[in-house]
Amino acid sequence: MRAAIAALLFAFAHAAIAALAGMPAPVAIAPGVYAFIGTGDAVAPANHGIVGNNGFIVGPSGVTVIDTGPSYRYGRAMIEAIRKVTPLPVRLVIITHQAPEFVFGAGAFRDRDVPILAHVRTAQLIRERCSICLANLRKTLGEDEMAGSRVTVPDRTIDGTTEIDSGGRKLQLLHFGPASTPGDLAVLDTQTGVLFAGSLVSNGRIPELRNEQIPGWLGALENLRALDLKTVVPAFGSPLDGDDIMQTGVYLRQLDASVRRAYKDGVGLTDAMHSIQTPEFSGYKLYAIAQPQNVQRLYLQLEKQ
């Protein structure tokens, strides 16, 4: 068992190194289930923007892709990596949420006439906001890295939890209401118990609060924990056991309670941004950047109530 875990950790490390080279390397998570593991860092030219996780599931008749990375170039590299695993065609792309690190490879699949599915609110946010995200990525990564990248709005949508057959594999698309984003989807492969959690779960990286509803987010995590999950692929960081997803919830609860307490005690916004800490998570990636920004976001929400 220890040897198997060590081998898997080595594979994750190799995948992160491949991401730094701009070459996605799939890691076998379970029979027919593969993940591309990003670096988990902030988007930067050195990592080509390959910071988040995505993956694919191989069924008897085709492949289902979950999230598409930060650029058209990455989407094409995904397609080539998938071809090295299986000759079966890609039947469907599922977008779990609208964060820029996960959506801009979709154009490479659209150009091959692969349908792209998301929650209706995610599709709406991609249509309304992702042009700004694309411009920001171009500034950060450069025109060459982002060449061919464009806003690709999903052409199929759902508005709630749905079970589908894709490529001969039964998948549950789980939506628990507004959580980390308004249209979060988690994708469960019922055959193996592997869950692609999208932005509901992070491992070793502080979540960046943007479109969240913390009560709904915590509720979604509790709903996921109640499932029989074998492995969870988070948005960022190495895959987890099912129970370990609650670390994201621990952070959210500690952060929310601390901001509410500071606001009630009359602590000003600037002081709160500098003073509110969650020491248990201080070693996580993006802590120095995201922690004060998260404090600011929650504080401003309280001011509007």
Protein backbone atom coordinates (compact mmCIF):
# COMPACT_ATOMS: atom_id res chain seq x y z
CA MET A 1 0.00 0.00 0.00
CA ARG A 2 2.78 2.42 0.91
CA ALA A 3 4.57 1.59 -2.33
CA ALA A 4 1.41 2.37 -4.30
CA ILE A 5 0.96 5.70 -2.52
CA ALA A 6 4.61 6.58 -3.08
CA ALA A 7 4.29 5.77 -6.77
CA LEU A 8 1.20 7.95 -7.07
CA LEU A 9 2.89 10.87 -5.30
CA PHE A 10 5.83 10.53 -7.67
CA ALA A 11 3.43 10.61 -10.61
CA PHE A 12 1.80 13.80 -9.26
CA ALA A 13 5.22 15.42 -8.86
CA HIS A 14 6.15 14.42 -12.41
CA ALA A 15 2.89 15.88 -13.70
CA ALA A 16 3.58 19.20 -11.96
CA ILE A 17 7.06 19.29 -13.51
CA ALA A 18 5.52 18.60 -16.92
CA ALA A 19 3.15 21.51 -16.34
CA LEU A 20 6.13 23.82 -15.79
CA ALA A 21 7.41 22.72 -19.19
CA GLY A 22 4.04 23.46 -20.76
CA MET A 23 3.42 19.79 -21.54
CA PRO A 24 0.42 18.27 -19.71
CA ALA A 25 1.13 14.73 -18.49
CA PRO A 26 -1.89 12.62 -17.46
CA VAL A 27 -1.76 10.65 -14.22
CA ALA A 28 -3.91 7.49 -13.93
CA ILE A 29 -6.16 7.99 -10.89
CA ALA A 30 -8.33 4.89 -11.36
CA PRO A 31 -9.19 2.57 -14.26
CA GLY A 32 -10.05 4.84 -17.17
CA VAL A 33 -9.72 8.04 -15.11
CA TYR A 34 -6.83 10.45 -15.65
CA ALA A 35 -5.89 13.82 -14.18
CA PHE A 36 -3.59 16.59 -15.34
CA ILE A 37 -2.06 18.17 -12.24
CA GLY A 38 -1.11 21.86 -12.32
CA THR A 39 1.50 23.57 -10.19
CA GLY A 40 -1.01 25.21 -7.83
CA ASP A 41 0.87 28.51 -7.99
CA ALA A 42 -0.29 31.89 -9.21
CA VAL A 43 -0.48 32.22 -12.99
CA ALA A 44 2.91 33.28 -14.36
CA PRO A 45 4.95 32.94 -17.56
CA ALA A 46 7.18 30.35 -15.86
CA ASN A 47 4.26 27.93 -15.42
CA HIS A 48 2.47 28.80 -18.69
CA GLY A 49 -0.68 29.37 -16.63
CA ILE A 50 -0.95 25.62 -15.98
CA VAL A 51 -1.78 25.94 -12.30
CA GLY A 52 -5.14 24.17 -11.99
CA ASN A 53 -6.14 20.53 -12.40
CA ASN A 54 -8.27 18.97 -15.10
CA GLY A 55 -8.66 15.50 -16.56
CA PHE A 56 -10.54 12.99 -18.64
CA ILE A 57 -12.50 9.75 -18.33
CA VAL A 58 -12.24 6.98 -20.92
CA GLY A 59 -15.38 4.96 -21.53
CA PRO A 60 -16.05 2.06 -23.93
CA SER A 61 -17.01 4.39 -26.77
CA GLY A 62 -15.31 7.69 -26.07
CA VAL A 63 -13.66 10.21 -23.80
CA THR A 64 -15.13 12.86 -21.51
CA VAL A 65 -12.90 15.83 -20.68
CA ILE A 66 -13.32 17.78 -17.44
CA ASP A 67 -12.09 21.39 -17.73
CA THR A 68 -9.70 22.59 -20.41
CA GLY A 69 -6.91 24.68 -18.92
CA PRO A 70 -5.81 28.27 -19.49
CA SER A 71 -5.20 28.53 -23.24
CA TYR A 72 -5.90 27.24 -26.72
CA ARG A 73 -2.33 25.91 -26.78
CA TYR A 74 -3.00 23.91 -23.63
CA GLY A 75 -6.25 22.54 -25.05
CA ARG A 76 -4.41 21.24 -28.12
CA ALA A 77 -1.74 19.69 -25.89
CA MET A 78 -4.49 17.96 -23.91
CA ILE A 79 -5.90 16.47 -27.09
CA GLU A 80 -2.49 15.11 -28.05
CA ALA A 81 -1.94 13.69 -24.55
CA ILE A 82 -5.34 11.98 -24.65
CA ARG A 83 -4.52 10.42 -28.02
CA LYS A 84 -1.44 8.81 -26.48
CA VAL A 85 -3.71 7.10 -23.94
CA THR A 86 -6.59 6.06 -26.21
CA PRO A 87 -7.58 6.28 -29.88
CA LEU A 88 -11.22 6.82 -28.87
CA PRO A 89 -12.76 10.19 -29.77
CA VAL A 90 -13.55 12.94 -27.28
CA ARG A 91 -17.33 12.92 -26.97
CA LEU A 92 -17.91 15.73 -24.48
CA VAL A 93 -16.19 18.51 -22.53
CA ILE A 94 -17.57 19.46 -19.11
CA ILE A 95 -16.65 22.84 -17.62
CA THR A 96 -16.99 22.79 -13.82
CA HIS A 97 -16.80 26.58 -13.27
CA GLN A 98 -15.80 29.76 -15.06
CA ALA A 99 -12.34 30.55 -13.58
CA PRO A 100 -9.88 31.51 -16.36
CA GLU A 101 -7.38 28.76 -15.49
CA PHE A 102 -9.99 26.18 -16.54
CA VAL A 103 -11.86 27.44 -19.59
CA PHE A 104 -9.68 28.81 -22.38
CA GLY A 105 -8.57 25.47 -23.78
CA ALA A 106 -12.19 24.87 -24.78
CA GLY A 107 -11.66 26.50 -28.18
CA ALA A 108 -9.39 23.64 -29.23
CA PHE A 109 -12.24 21.19 -28.60
CA ARG A 110 -14.85 23.44 -30.23
CA ASP A 111 -12.71 23.47 -33.36
CA ARG A 112 -13.07 19.67 -33.43
CA ASP A 113 -16.86 19.91 -33.03
CA VAL A 114 -16.83 18.50 -29.50
CA PRO A 115 -19.87 19.66 -27.50
CA ILE A 116 -19.11 21.68 -24.36
CA LEU A 117 -21.37 21.42 -21.32
CA ALA A 118 -21.64 23.56 -18.19
CA HIS A 119 -24.18 24.74 -15.67
CA VAL A 120 -26.37 27.47 -17.15
CA ARG A 121 -24.96 30.09 -14.72
CA THR A 122 -21.40 29.14 -15.61
CA ALA A 123 -22.18 29.52 -19.30
CA GLN A 124 -23.71 32.92 -18.59
CA LEU A 125 -20.66 34.09 -16.63
CA ILE A 126 -18.30 32.87 -19.36
CA ARG A 127 -20.29 34.87 -21.90
CA GLU A 128 -20.45 38.01 -19.75
CA ARG A 129 -17.07 38.12 -18.00
CA CYS A 130 -14.45 35.91 -19.60
CA SER A 131 -13.37 38.48 -22.17
CA ILE A 132 -11.90 40.48 -19.29
CA CYS A 133 -10.23 37.35 -17.89
CA LEU A 134 -8.76 36.59 -21.32
CA ALA A 135 -7.32 40.10 -21.60
CA ASN A 136 -5.72 39.72 -18.17
CA LEU A 137 -4.20 36.37 -19.10
CA ARG A 138 -2.78 37.86 -22.29
CA LYS A 139 -1.09 40.58 -20.23
CA THR A 140 0.32 38.04 -17.76
CA LEU A 141 1.34 35.21 -20.10
CA GLY A 142 1.95 37.09 -23.34
CA GLU A 143 0.45 36.94 -26.79
CA ASP A 144 2.48 33.92 -27.88
CA GLU A 145 1.32 31.72 -24.99
CA MET A 146 -2.29 32.79 -25.48
CA ALA A 147 -2.30 32.65 -29.30
CA GLY A 148 -5.63 31.37 -30.61
CA SER A 149 -7.30 31.58 -27.21
CA ARG A 150 -10.83 32.94 -27.22
CA VAL A 151 -13.99 32.98 -25.16
CA THR A 152 -15.85 29.74 -25.91
CA VAL A 153 -19.35 29.66 -24.46
CA PRO A 154 -20.68 26.17 -23.67
CA ASP A 155 -23.31 25.03 -26.14
CA ARG A 156 -25.00 22.61 -23.74
CA THR A 157 -26.25 23.57 -20.29
CA ILE A 158 -27.92 22.00 -17.29
CA ASP A 159 -29.55 23.74 -14.33
CA GLY A 160 -29.24 21.09 -11.63
CA THR A 161 -27.85 17.71 -10.68
CA THR A 162 -28.01 15.38 -13.67
CA GLU A 163 -26.81 11.87 -14.54
CA ILE A 164 -25.53 11.40 -18.06
CA ASP A 165 -24.00 8.66 -20.19
CA SER A 166 -20.90 9.95 -21.92
CA GLY A 167 -18.64 7.67 -23.93
CA GLY A 168 -20.40 4.69 -22.35
CA ARG A 169 -19.61 5.87 -18.82
CA LYS A 170 -22.24 6.95 -16.29
CA LEU A 171 -21.38 10.32 -14.79
CA GLN A 172 -23.18 12.30 -12.14
CA LEU A 173 -23.00 16.06 -12.62
CA LEU A 174 -23.58 17.42 -9.13
CA HIS A 175 -24.85 20.94 -8.43
CA PHE A 176 -25.77 22.00 -4.90
CA GLY A 177 -26.71 25.61 -5.61
CA PRO A 178 -24.47 28.70 -5.49
CA ALA A 179 -21.27 27.80 -3.64
CA SER A 180 -17.73 28.75 -4.67
CA THR A 181 -19.37 30.09 -7.84
CA PRO A 182 -23.04 30.33 -8.88
CA GLY A 183 -22.78 27.39 -11.26
CA ASP A 184 -20.40 24.92 -9.64
CA LEU A 185 -20.44 21.40 -11.01
CA ALA A 186 -18.66 18.40 -9.52
CA VAL A 187 -18.27 15.38 -11.79
CA LEU A 188 -18.54 11.90 -10.27
CA ASP A 189 -17.51 8.81 -12.21
CA THR A 190 -19.91 6.27 -10.73
CA GLN A 191 -17.82 3.30 -11.83
CA THR A 192 -14.71 4.23 -9.83
CA GLY A 193 -15.93 6.72 -7.23
CA VAL A 194 -13.51 9.39 -8.50
CA LEU A 195 -14.83 12.94 -8.18
CA PHE A 196 -13.58 15.98 -10.07
CA ALA A 197 -14.60 18.63 -7.55
CA GLY A 198 -13.96 21.77 -9.57
CA SER A 199 -13.55 24.91 -7.48
CA LEU A 200 -15.40 23.44 -4.51
CA VAL A 201 -12.15 21.93 -3.21
CA SER A 202 -8.53 23.08 -3.08
CA ASN A 203 -5.56 21.23 -1.60
CA GLY A 204 -2.54 23.15 -0.33
CA ARG A 205 -3.71 26.42 -1.86
CA ILE A 206 -5.92 29.14 -0.40
CA PRO A 207 -9.24 29.49 -2.25
CA GLU A 208 -9.62 32.88 -3.93
CA LEU A 209 -13.06 34.25 -3.11
CA ARG A 210 -14.71 35.87 -6.14
CA ASN A 211 -18.32 34.80 -6.67
CA GLU A 212 -18.86 32.71 -3.56
CA GLN A 213 -21.76 32.04 -1.21
CA ILE A 214 -20.01 30.63 1.85
CA PRO A 215 -23.07 28.95 3.44
CA GLY A 216 -23.82 27.24 0.14
CA TRP A 217 -20.17 26.30 -0.28
CA LEU A 218 -20.04 24.70 3.14
CA GLY A 219 -23.29 22.88 2.40
CA ALA A 220 -21.89 21.57 -0.89
CA LEU A 221 -18.82 20.20 0.89
CA GLU A 222 -21.02 18.42 3.42
CA ASN A 223 -23.05 16.91 0.58
CA LEU A 224 -19.88 15.70 -1.11
CA ARG A 225 -18.56 14.20 2.11
CA ALA A 226 -21.75 12.15 2.41
CA LEU A 227 -20.97 10.40 -0.88
CA ASP A 228 -18.89 7.23 -1.21
CA LEU A 229 -15.89 8.96 -2.77
CA LYS A 230 -12.68 7.04 -3.39
CA THR A 231 -10.56 9.90 -4.74
CA VAL A 232 -11.22 13.61 -5.16
CA VAL A 233 -9.42 15.70 -7.76
CA PRO A 234 -9.49 19.29 -6.46
CA ALA A 235 -9.19 22.46 -8.50
CA PHE A 236 -5.66 22.88 -7.20
CA GLY A 237 -3.20 20.51 -5.55
CA SER A 238 -2.83 16.76 -5.34
CA PRO A 239 -5.87 14.44 -5.29
CA LEU A 240 -7.39 13.69 -1.88
CA ASP A 241 -9.28 11.05 0.01
CA GLY A 242 -12.96 11.87 0.39
CA ASP A 243 -12.84 13.08 4.02
CA ASP A 244 -9.90 15.41 3.35
CA ILE A 245 -12.03 17.75 1.27
CA MET A 246 -13.30 19.30 4.50
CA GLN A 247 -10.05 21.21 4.98
CA THR A 248 -11.45 23.71 2.50
CA GLY A 249 -14.49 24.04 4.77
CA VAL A 250 -12.30 24.51 7.85
CA TYR A 251 -10.55 27.44 6.16
CA LEU A 252 -13.83 29.04 5.08
CA ARG A 253 -15.34 28.75 8.56
CA GLN A 254 -12.26 30.18 10.28
CA LEU A 255 -12.00 33.04 7.81
CA ASP A 256 -15.70 33.91 7.95
CA ALA A 257 -15.81 33.81 11.76
CA SER A 258 -12.69 35.99 12.07
CA VAL A 259 -13.97 38.64 9.66
CA ARG A 260 -17.37 38.75 11.34
CA ARG A 261 -15.75 39.12 14.76
CA ALA A 262 -13.45 41.92 13.59
CA TYR A 263 -16.32 43.76 11.92
CA LYS A 264 -18.48 43.47 15.02
CA ASP A 265 -15.61 44.77 17.17
CA GLY A 266 -15.21 47.84 14.99
CA VAL A 267 -11.89 46.90 13.40
CA GLY A 268 -11.38 48.92 10.21
CA LEU A 269 -10.99 47.29 6.82
CA THR A 270 -7.29 48.06 6.41
CA ASP A 271 -6.45 46.78 9.89
CA ALA A 272 -8.58 43.70 9.32
CA MET A 273 -6.76 42.88 6.08
CA HIS A 274 -3.42 43.02 7.89
CA SER A 275 -4.41 41.44 11.19
CA ILE A 276 -6.82 38.61 10.36
CA GLN A 277 -4.91 35.39 9.91
CA THR A 278 -5.71 31.69 9.65
CA PRO A 279 -2.43 30.25 10.97
CA GLU A 280 -3.35 26.65 10.22
CA PHE A 281 -3.24 27.52 6.53
CA SER A 282 -0.33 29.98 6.46
CA GLY A 283 1.87 27.46 4.63
CA TYR A 284 -0.61 27.08 1.77
CA LYS A 285 0.16 28.53 -1.64
CA LEU A 286 -1.16 32.03 -2.35
CA TYR A 287 -1.67 32.69 1.37
CA ALA A 288 0.16 36.03 1.37
CA ILE A 289 -1.83 37.23 -1.65
CA ALA A 290 -5.25 35.64 -1.23
CA GLN A 291 -5.71 35.91 2.54
CA PRO A 292 -5.97 39.74 2.71
CA GLN A 293 -8.03 39.81 -0.49
CA ASN A 294 -10.45 37.27 0.97
CA VAL A 295 -10.71 39.29 4.17
CA GLN A 296 -11.46 42.40 2.14
CA ARG A 297 -14.16 40.67 0.12
CA LEU A 298 -16.01 39.30 3.15
CA TYR A 299 -15.66 42.58 5.06
CA LEU A 300 -17.17 44.58 2.19
CA GLN A 301 -20.03 42.08 1.99
CA LEU A 302 -20.79 42.73 5.67
CA GLU A 303 -20.80 46.48 5.07
CA LYS A 304 -23.50 46.04 2.42
CA GLN A 305 -25.81 44.04 4.69
